[in-house]
Amino acid sequence: MNVDTVEQDTRQFIVETFLAKQDEGQLAEDASLLGEGIVDSTGILELIEHLEKTYGITVLDEEMTADNLDSIAKIAEFVRRKTGA
């Protein structure tokens, strides 16, 4: 698994779960998911559940920060660190 794979999977999950399909191409890897209103606090919990199930990681309370989860690129890097990939 590499960062590109995580980015693709995360993008697909976000588009299918939170966006209309026509918005898919407009979602940049560095777009703020919270700041742009793409994901809200409940959505973050759904996203975390997806990451934990898909990648076999545990996201600790103290890791639930914008530094780790506020964009596709940040999520991919966070998953890479957690999995040691």
PDB file of N, CA and C in Angstrom:
ATOM      1  N   MET A   1       0.850  -1.181   0.000  1.00  0.00           N
ATOM      2  CA  MET A   1       0.000   0.000   0.000  1.00  0.00           C
ATOM      3  C   MET A   1       0.888   1.233   0.000  1.00  0.00           C
ATOM      4  N   ASN A   2       0.540   2.174  -0.852  1.00  0.00           N
ATOM      5  CA  ASN A   2       1.301   3.414  -0.881  1.00  0.00           C
ATOM      6  C   ASN A   2       0.360   4.603  -0.695  1.00  0.00           C
ATOM      7  N   VAL A   3       0.944   5.777  -0.591  1.00  0.00           N
ATOM      8  CA  VAL A   3       0.168   6.989  -0.338  1.00  0.00           C
ATOM      9  C   VAL A   3      -0.847   7.224  -1.452  1.00  0.00           C
ATOM     10  N   ASP A   4      -0.469   6.960  -2.698  1.00  0.00           N
ATOM     11  CA  ASP A   4      -1.398   7.167  -3.819  1.00  0.00           C
ATOM     12  C   ASP A   4      -2.633   6.283  -3.690  1.00  0.00           C
ATOM     13  N   THR A   5      -2.434   5.030  -3.276  1.00  0.00           N
ATOM     14  CA  THR A   5      -3.555   4.112  -3.093  1.00  0.00           C
ATOM     15  C   THR A   5      -4.484   4.608  -1.999  1.00  0.00           C
ATOM     16  N   VAL A   6      -3.916   5.065  -0.892  1.00  0.00           N
ATOM     17  CA  VAL A   6      -4.725   5.592   0.213  1.00  0.00           C
ATOM     18  C   VAL A   6      -5.476   6.839  -0.244  1.00  0.00           C
ATOM     19  N   GLU A   7      -4.807   7.708  -0.997  1.00  0.00           N
ATOM     20  CA  GLU A   7      -5.471   8.916  -1.499  1.00  0.00           C
ATOM     21  C   GLU A   7      -6.652   8.550  -2.396  1.00  0.00           C
ATOM     22  N   GLN A   8      -6.461   7.580  -3.287  1.00  0.00           N
ATOM     23  CA  GLN A   8      -7.538   7.174  -4.194  1.00  0.00           C
ATOM     24  C   GLN A   8      -8.713   6.585  -3.422  1.00  0.00           C
ATOM     25  N   ASP A   9      -8.416   5.709  -2.470  1.00  0.00           N
ATOM     26  CA  ASP A   9      -9.465   5.088  -1.666  1.00  0.00           C
ATOM     27  C   ASP A   9     -10.211   6.132  -0.839  1.00  0.00           C
ATOM     28  N   THR A  10      -9.469   7.045  -0.224  1.00  0.00           N
ATOM     29  CA  THR A  10     -10.084   8.077   0.610  1.00  0.00           C
ATOM     30  C   THR A  10     -10.951   8.997  -0.236  1.00  0.00           C
ATOM     31  N   ARG A  11     -10.454   9.384  -1.387  1.00  0.00           N
ATOM     32  CA  ARG A  11     -11.232  10.227  -2.307  1.00  0.00           C
ATOM     33  C   ARG A  11     -12.537   9.521  -2.683  1.00  0.00           C
ATOM     34  N   GLN A  12     -12.455   8.263  -3.053  1.00  0.00           N
ATOM     35  CA  GLN A  12     -13.643   7.515  -3.447  1.00  0.00           C
ATOM     36  C   GLN A  12     -14.642   7.448  -2.294  1.00  0.00           C
ATOM     37  N   PHE A  13     -14.171   7.163  -1.076  1.00  0.00           N
ATOM     38  CA  PHE A  13     -15.060   7.101   0.085  1.00  0.00           C
ATOM     39  C   PHE A  13     -15.741   8.446   0.327  1.00  0.00           C
ATOM     40  N   ILE A  14     -14.979   9.525   0.278  1.00  0.00           N
ATOM     41  CA  ILE A  14     -15.535  10.861   0.534  1.00  0.00           C
ATOM     42  C   ILE A  14     -16.559  11.235  -0.533  1.00  0.00           C
ATOM     43  N   VAL A  15     -16.230  10.985  -1.786  1.00  0.00           N
ATOM     44  CA  VAL A  15     -17.156  11.314  -2.877  1.00  0.00           C
ATOM     45  C   VAL A  15     -18.446  10.507  -2.737  1.00  0.00           C
ATOM     46  N   GLU A  16     -18.319   9.210  -2.499  1.00  0.00           N
ATOM     47  CA  GLU A  16     -19.503   8.358  -2.409  1.00  0.00           C
ATOM     48  C   GLU A  16     -20.337   8.647  -1.165  1.00  0.00           C
ATOM     49  N   THR A  17     -19.693   9.060  -0.087  1.00  0.00           N
ATOM     50  CA  THR A  17     -20.386   9.241   1.184  1.00  0.00           C
ATOM     51  C   THR A  17     -20.888  10.660   1.399  1.00  0.00           C
ATOM     52  N   PHE A  18     -20.112  11.655   0.962  1.00  0.00           N
ATOM     53  CA  PHE A  18     -20.418  13.034   1.332  1.00  0.00           C
ATOM     54  C   PHE A  18     -20.705  13.982   0.166  1.00  0.00           C
ATOM     55  N   LEU A  19     -20.332  13.615  -1.043  1.00  0.00           N
ATOM     56  CA  LEU A  19     -20.469  14.533  -2.179  1.00  0.00           C
ATOM     57  C   LEU A  19     -21.337  13.941  -3.274  1.00  0.00           C
ATOM     58  N   ALA A  20     -21.889  14.808  -4.076  1.00  0.00           N
ATOM     59  CA  ALA A  20     -22.544  14.360  -5.297  1.00  0.00           C
ATOM     60  C   ALA A  20     -21.455  13.925  -6.271  1.00  0.00           C
ATOM     61  N   LYS A  21     -21.709  12.917  -7.029  1.00  0.00           N
ATOM     62  CA  LYS A  21     -20.700  12.354  -7.938  1.00  0.00           C
ATOM     63  C   LYS A  21     -20.088  13.413  -8.860  1.00  0.00           C
ATOM     64  N   GLN A  22     -20.859  14.416  -9.256  1.00  0.00           N
ATOM     65  CA  GLN A  22     -20.336  15.425 -10.177  1.00  0.00           C
ATOM     66  C   GLN A  22     -19.255  16.296  -9.542  1.00  0.00           C
ATOM     67  N   ASP A  23     -19.129  16.291  -8.225  1.00  0.00           N
ATOM     68  CA  ASP A  23     -18.114  17.097  -7.547  1.00  0.00           C
ATOM     69  C   ASP A  23     -16.769  16.384  -7.434  1.00  0.00           C
ATOM     70  N   GLU A  24     -16.697  15.146  -7.878  1.00  0.00           N
ATOM     71  CA  GLU A  24     -15.507  14.326  -7.693  1.00  0.00           C
ATOM     72  C   GLU A  24     -14.234  14.985  -8.205  1.00  0.00           C
ATOM     73  N   GLY A  25     -14.262  15.526  -9.395  1.00  0.00           N
ATOM     74  CA  GLY A  25     -13.072  16.111  -9.988  1.00  0.00           C
ATOM     75  C   GLY A  25     -12.621  17.393  -9.327  1.00  0.00           C
ATOM     76  N   GLN A  26     -13.480  18.007  -8.541  1.00  0.00           N
ATOM     77  CA  GLN A  26     -13.157  19.279  -7.910  1.00  0.00           C
ATOM     78  C   GLN A  26     -12.545  19.121  -6.524  1.00  0.00           C
ATOM     79  N   LEU A  27     -12.395  17.906  -6.047  1.00  0.00           N
ATOM     80  CA  LEU A  27     -11.866  17.661  -4.710  1.00  0.00           C
ATOM     81  C   LEU A  27     -10.348  17.498  -4.775  1.00  0.00           C
ATOM     82  N   ALA A  28      -9.630  18.558  -4.422  1.00  0.00           N
ATOM     83  CA  ALA A  28      -8.163  18.530  -4.443  1.00  0.00           C
ATOM     84  C   ALA A  28      -7.638  17.765  -3.234  1.00  0.00           C
ATOM     85  N   GLU A  29      -6.451  17.172  -3.391  1.00  0.00           N
ATOM     86  CA  GLU A  29      -5.852  16.403  -2.306  1.00  0.00           C
ATOM     87  C   GLU A  29      -5.599  17.246  -1.063  1.00  0.00           C
ATOM     88  N   ASP A  30      -5.385  18.546  -1.252  1.00  0.00           N
ATOM     89  CA  ASP A  30      -5.078  19.410  -0.112  1.00  0.00           C
ATOM     90  C   ASP A  30      -6.268  20.266   0.327  1.00  0.00           C
ATOM     91  N   ALA A  31      -7.451  20.000  -0.220  1.00  0.00           N
ATOM     92  CA  ALA A  31      -8.652  20.755   0.173  1.00  0.00           C
ATOM     93  C   ALA A  31      -9.012  20.440   1.619  1.00  0.00           C
ATOM     94  N   SER A  32      -9.337  21.461   2.391  1.00  0.00           N
ATOM     95  CA  SER A  32      -9.742  21.279   3.785  1.00  0.00           C
ATOM     96  C   SER A  32     -11.141  20.676   3.825  1.00  0.00           C
ATOM     97  N   LEU A  33     -11.230  19.444   4.292  1.00  0.00           N
ATOM     98  CA  LEU A  33     -12.519  18.764   4.339  1.00  0.00           C
ATOM     99  C   LEU A  33     -13.474  19.441   5.314  1.00  0.00           C
ATOM    100  N   LEU A  34     -12.945  19.905   6.426  1.00  0.00           N
ATOM    101  CA  LEU A  34     -13.772  20.597   7.420  1.00  0.00           C
ATOM    102  C   LEU A  34     -14.033  22.040   7.006  1.00  0.00           C
ATOM    103  N   GLY A  35     -12.993  22.738   6.606  1.00  0.00           N
ATOM    104  CA  GLY A  35     -13.099  24.148   6.252  1.00  0.00           C
ATOM    105  C   GLY A  35     -14.018  24.411   5.075  1.00  0.00           C
ATOM    106  N   GLU A  36     -14.063  23.480   4.133  1.00  0.00           N
ATOM    107  CA  GLU A  36     -14.913  23.646   2.954  1.00  0.00           C
ATOM    108  C   GLU A  36     -16.293  23.022   3.142  1.00  0.00           C
ATOM    109  N   GLY A  37     -16.549  22.508   4.342  1.00  0.00           N
ATOM    110  CA  GLY A  37     -17.861  21.951   4.643  1.00  0.00           C
ATOM    111  C   GLY A  37     -18.153  20.627   3.966  1.00  0.00           C
ATOM    112  N   ILE A  38     -17.123  19.931   3.526  1.00  0.00           N
ATOM    113  CA  ILE A  38     -17.305  18.640   2.868  1.00  0.00           C
ATOM    114  C   ILE A  38     -17.666  17.580   3.898  1.00  0.00           C
ATOM    115  N   VAL A  39     -17.006  17.634   5.049  1.00  0.00           N
ATOM    116  CA  VAL A  39     -17.214  16.681   6.129  1.00  0.00           C
ATOM    117  C   VAL A  39     -17.462  17.470   7.408  1.00  0.00           C
ATOM    118  N   ASP A  40     -18.439  17.023   8.201  1.00  0.00           N
ATOM    119  CA  ASP A  40     -18.683  17.646   9.500  1.00  0.00           C
ATOM    120  C   ASP A  40     -18.172  16.709  10.599  1.00  0.00           C
ATOM    121  N   SER A  41     -18.455  17.028  11.848  1.00  0.00           N
ATOM    122  CA  SER A  41     -17.914  16.231  12.953  1.00  0.00           C
ATOM    123  C   SER A  41     -18.418  14.790  12.916  1.00  0.00           C
ATOM    124  N   THR A  42     -19.650  14.585  12.534  1.00  0.00           N
ATOM    125  CA  THR A  42     -20.169  13.226  12.402  1.00  0.00           C
ATOM    126  C   THR A  42     -19.497  12.519  11.231  1.00  0.00           C
ATOM    127  N   GLY A  43     -19.277  13.249  10.163  1.00  0.00           N
ATOM    128  CA  GLY A  43     -18.602  12.692   9.002  1.00  0.00           C
ATOM    129  C   GLY A  43     -17.181  12.255   9.307  1.00  0.00           C
ATOM    130  N   ILE A  44     -16.497  13.010  10.162  1.00  0.00           N
ATOM    131  CA  ILE A  44     -15.135  12.624  10.562  1.00  0.00           C
ATOM    132  C   ILE A  44     -15.166  11.263  11.245  1.00  0.00           C
ATOM    133  N   LEU A  45     -16.179  11.034  12.078  1.00  0.00           N
ATOM    134  CA  LEU A  45     -16.293   9.737  12.748  1.00  0.00           C
ATOM    135  C   LEU A  45     -16.533   8.621  11.737  1.00  0.00           C
ATOM    136  N   GLU A  46     -17.345   8.878  10.721  1.00  0.00           N
ATOM    137  CA  GLU A  46     -17.556   7.895   9.652  1.00  0.00           C
ATOM    138  C   GLU A  46     -16.255   7.629   8.902  1.00  0.00           C
ATOM    139  N   LEU A  47     -15.515   8.682   8.619  1.00  0.00           N
ATOM    140  CA  LEU A  47     -14.241   8.554   7.923  1.00  0.00           C
ATOM    141  C   LEU A  47     -13.253   7.741   8.752  1.00  0.00           C
ATOM    142  N   ILE A  48     -13.187   8.019  10.043  1.00  0.00           N
ATOM    143  CA  ILE A  48     -12.286   7.277  10.928  1.00  0.00           C
ATOM    144  C   ILE A  48     -12.664   5.799  10.950  1.00  0.00           C
ATOM    145  N   GLU A  49     -13.954   5.508  11.036  1.00  0.00           N
ATOM    146  CA  GLU A  49     -14.401   4.113  11.021  1.00  0.00           C
ATOM    147  C   GLU A  49     -13.957   3.426   9.726  1.00  0.00           C
ATOM    148  N   HIS A  50     -14.094   4.118   8.613  1.00  0.00           N
ATOM    149  CA  HIS A  50     -13.653   3.578   7.321  1.00  0.00           C
ATOM    150  C   HIS A  50     -12.148   3.297   7.330  1.00  0.00           C
ATOM    151  N   LEU A  51     -11.357   4.239   7.817  1.00  0.00           N
ATOM    152  CA  LEU A  51      -9.900   4.057   7.855  1.00  0.00           C
ATOM    153  C   LEU A  51      -9.520   2.885   8.750  1.00  0.00           C
ATOM    154  N   GLU A  52     -10.159   2.780   9.896  1.00  0.00           N
ATOM    155  CA  GLU A  52      -9.837   1.693  10.826  1.00  0.00           C
ATOM    156  C   GLU A  52     -10.168   0.333  10.220  1.00  0.00           C
ATOM    157  N   LYS A  53     -11.326   0.219   9.576  1.00  0.00           N
ATOM    158  CA  LYS A  53     -11.723  -1.053   8.964  1.00  0.00           C
ATOM    159  C   LYS A  53     -10.872  -1.386   7.744  1.00  0.00           C
ATOM    160  N   THR A  54     -10.619  -0.389   6.918  1.00  0.00           N
ATOM    161  CA  THR A  54      -9.907  -0.622   5.661  1.00  0.00           C
ATOM    162  C   THR A  54      -8.431  -0.917   5.874  1.00  0.00           C
ATOM    163  N   TYR A  55      -7.797  -0.207   6.797  1.00  0.00           N
ATOM    164  CA  TYR A  55      -6.347  -0.300   6.956  1.00  0.00           C
ATOM    165  C   TYR A  55      -5.905  -0.976   8.247  1.00  0.00           C
ATOM    166  N   GLY A  56      -6.853  -1.437   9.057  1.00  0.00           N
ATOM    167  CA  GLY A  56      -6.507  -2.159  10.277  1.00  0.00           C
ATOM    168  C   GLY A  56      -5.763  -1.306  11.288  1.00  0.00           C
ATOM    169  N   ILE A  57      -6.083  -0.019  11.323  1.00  0.00           N
ATOM    170  CA  ILE A  57      -5.432   0.882  12.272  1.00  0.00           C
ATOM    171  C   ILE A  57      -6.431   1.283  13.352  1.00  0.00           C
ATOM    172  N   THR A  58      -5.915   1.830  14.429  1.00  0.00           N
ATOM    173  CA  THR A  58      -6.736   2.415  15.474  1.00  0.00           C
ATOM    174  C   THR A  58      -6.384   3.890  15.544  1.00  0.00           C
ATOM    175  N   VAL A  59      -7.388   4.734  15.427  1.00  0.00           N
ATOM    176  CA  VAL A  59      -7.183   6.177  15.522  1.00  0.00           C
ATOM    177  C   VAL A  59      -7.516   6.585  16.952  1.00  0.00           C
ATOM    178  N   LEU A  60      -6.501   7.009  17.679  1.00  0.00           N
ATOM    179  CA  LEU A  60      -6.677   7.419  19.067  1.00  0.00           C
ATOM    180  C   LEU A  60      -7.330   8.792  19.134  1.00  0.00           C
ATOM    181  N   ASP A  61      -7.979   9.076  20.263  1.00  0.00           N
ATOM    182  CA  ASP A  61      -8.645  10.372  20.432  1.00  0.00           C
ATOM    183  C   ASP A  61      -7.701  11.532  20.148  1.00  0.00           C
ATOM    184  N   GLU A  62      -6.481  11.440  20.657  1.00  0.00           N
ATOM    185  CA  GLU A  62      -5.529  12.537  20.483  1.00  0.00           C
ATOM    186  C   GLU A  62      -5.030  12.670  19.042  1.00  0.00           C
ATOM    187  N   GLU A  63      -5.298  11.666  18.207  1.00  0.00           N
ATOM    188  CA  GLU A  63      -4.908  11.722  16.792  1.00  0.00           C
ATOM    189  C   GLU A  63      -6.010  12.313  15.906  1.00  0.00           C
ATOM    190  N   MET A  64      -7.175  12.540  16.473  1.00  0.00           N
ATOM    191  CA  MET A  64      -8.305  13.098  15.719  1.00  0.00           C
ATOM    192  C   MET A  64      -8.148  14.609  15.610  1.00  0.00           C
ATOM    193  N   THR A  65      -7.171  15.010  14.809  1.00  0.00           N
ATOM    194  CA  THR A  65      -6.854  16.429  14.646  1.00  0.00           C
ATOM    195  C   THR A  65      -6.856  16.802  13.167  1.00  0.00           C
ATOM    196  N   ALA A  66      -6.957  18.093  12.917  1.00  0.00           N
ATOM    197  CA  ALA A  66      -6.895  18.587  11.539  1.00  0.00           C
ATOM    198  C   ALA A  66      -5.550  18.252  10.904  1.00  0.00           C
ATOM    199  N   ASP A  67      -4.489  18.219  11.698  1.00  0.00           N
ATOM    200  CA  ASP A  67      -3.169  17.884  11.154  1.00  0.00           C
ATOM    201  C   ASP A  67      -3.153  16.490  10.535  1.00  0.00           C
ATOM    202  N   ASN A  68      -4.007  15.602  11.026  1.00  0.00           N
ATOM    203  CA  ASN A  68      -4.048  14.229  10.522  1.00  0.00           C
ATOM    204  C   ASN A  68      -5.200  13.955   9.560  1.00  0.00           C
ATOM    205  N   LEU A  69      -6.310  14.689   9.699  1.00  0.00           N
ATOM    206  CA  LEU A  69      -7.534  14.265   9.029  1.00  0.00           C
ATOM    207  C   LEU A  69      -8.246  15.336   8.207  1.00  0.00           C
ATOM    208  N   ASP A  70      -7.620  16.471   7.947  1.00  0.00           N
ATOM    209  CA  ASP A  70      -8.346  17.570   7.308  1.00  0.00           C
ATOM    210  C   ASP A  70      -8.240  17.620   5.786  1.00  0.00           C
ATOM    211  N   SER A  71      -7.496  16.727   5.182  1.00  0.00           N
ATOM    212  CA  SER A  71      -7.434  16.679   3.717  1.00  0.00           C
ATOM    213  C   SER A  71      -7.081  15.261   3.290  1.00  0.00           C
ATOM    214  N   ILE A  72      -7.309  14.978   2.038  1.00  0.00           N
ATOM    215  CA  ILE A  72      -6.972  13.653   1.519  1.00  0.00           C
ATOM    216  C   ILE A  72      -5.477  13.395   1.674  1.00  0.00           C
ATOM    217  N   ALA A  73      -4.657  14.381   1.366  1.00  0.00           N
ATOM    218  CA  ALA A  73      -3.204  14.224   1.480  1.00  0.00           C
ATOM    219  C   ALA A  73      -2.787  13.968   2.930  1.00  0.00           C
ATOM    220  N   LYS A  74      -3.367  14.705   3.874  1.00  0.00           N
ATOM    221  CA  LYS A  74      -3.028  14.515   5.290  1.00  0.00           C
ATOM    222  C   LYS A  74      -3.482  13.143   5.781  1.00  0.00           C
ATOM    223  N   ILE A  75      -4.643  12.705   5.338  1.00  0.00           N
ATOM    224  CA  ILE A  75      -5.143  11.384   5.726  1.00  0.00           C
ATOM    225  C   ILE A  75      -4.220  10.295   5.197  1.00  0.00           C
ATOM    226  N   ALA A  76      -3.805  10.404   3.944  1.00  0.00           N
ATOM    227  CA  ALA A  76      -2.920   9.399   3.350  1.00  0.00           C
ATOM    228  C   ALA A  76      -1.595   9.330   4.102  1.00  0.00           C
ATOM    229  N   GLU A  77      -1.038  10.467   4.452  1.00  0.00           N
ATOM    230  CA  GLU A  77       0.219  10.494   5.205  1.00  0.00           C
ATOM    231  C   GLU A  77       0.019   9.911   6.604  1.00  0.00           C
ATOM    232  N   PHE A  78      -1.092  10.230   7.240  1.00  0.00           N
ATOM    233  CA  PHE A  78      -1.404   9.696   8.566  1.00  0.00           C
ATOM    234  C   PHE A  78      -1.510   8.171   8.518  1.00  0.00           C
ATOM    235  N   VAL A  79      -2.235   7.640   7.539  1.00  0.00           N
ATOM    236  CA  VAL A  79      -2.378   6.190   7.403  1.00  0.00           C
ATOM    237  C   VAL A  79      -1.017   5.559   7.136  1.00  0.00           C
ATOM    238  N   ARG A  80      -0.199   6.187   6.303  1.00  0.00           N
ATOM    239  CA  ARG A  80       1.145   5.659   6.031  1.00  0.00           C
ATOM    240  C   ARG A  80       1.945   5.558   7.321  1.00  0.00           C
ATOM    241  N   ARG A  81       1.900   6.603   8.143  1.00  0.00           N
ATOM    242  CA  ARG A  81       2.629   6.577   9.422  1.00  0.00           C
ATOM    243  C   ARG A  81       2.089   5.486  10.346  1.00  0.00           C
ATOM    244  N   LYS A  82       0.773   5.352  10.403  1.00  0.00           N
ATOM    245  CA  LYS A  82       0.155   4.371  11.302  1.00  0.00           C
ATOM    246  C   LYS A  82       0.448   2.935  10.872  1.00  0.00           C
ATOM    247  N   THR A  83       0.535   2.702   9.571  1.00  0.00           N
ATOM    248  CA  THR A  83       0.760   1.343   9.081  1.00  0.00           C
ATOM    249  C   THR A  83       2.240   1.035   8.894  1.00  0.00           C
ATOM    250  N   GLY A  84       3.068   2.063   8.958  1.00  0.00           N
ATOM    251  CA  GLY A  84       4.496   1.862   8.752  1.00  0.00           C
ATOM    252  C   GLY A  84       4.842   1.568   7.306  1.00  0.00           C
ATOM    253  N   ALA A  85       3.925   1.890   6.397  1.00  0.00           N
ATOM    254  CA  ALA A  85       4.156   1.609   4.968  1.00  0.00           C
ATOM    255  C   ALA A  85       5.057   2.656   4.349  1.00  0.00           C
TER     256      ALA A  85
END
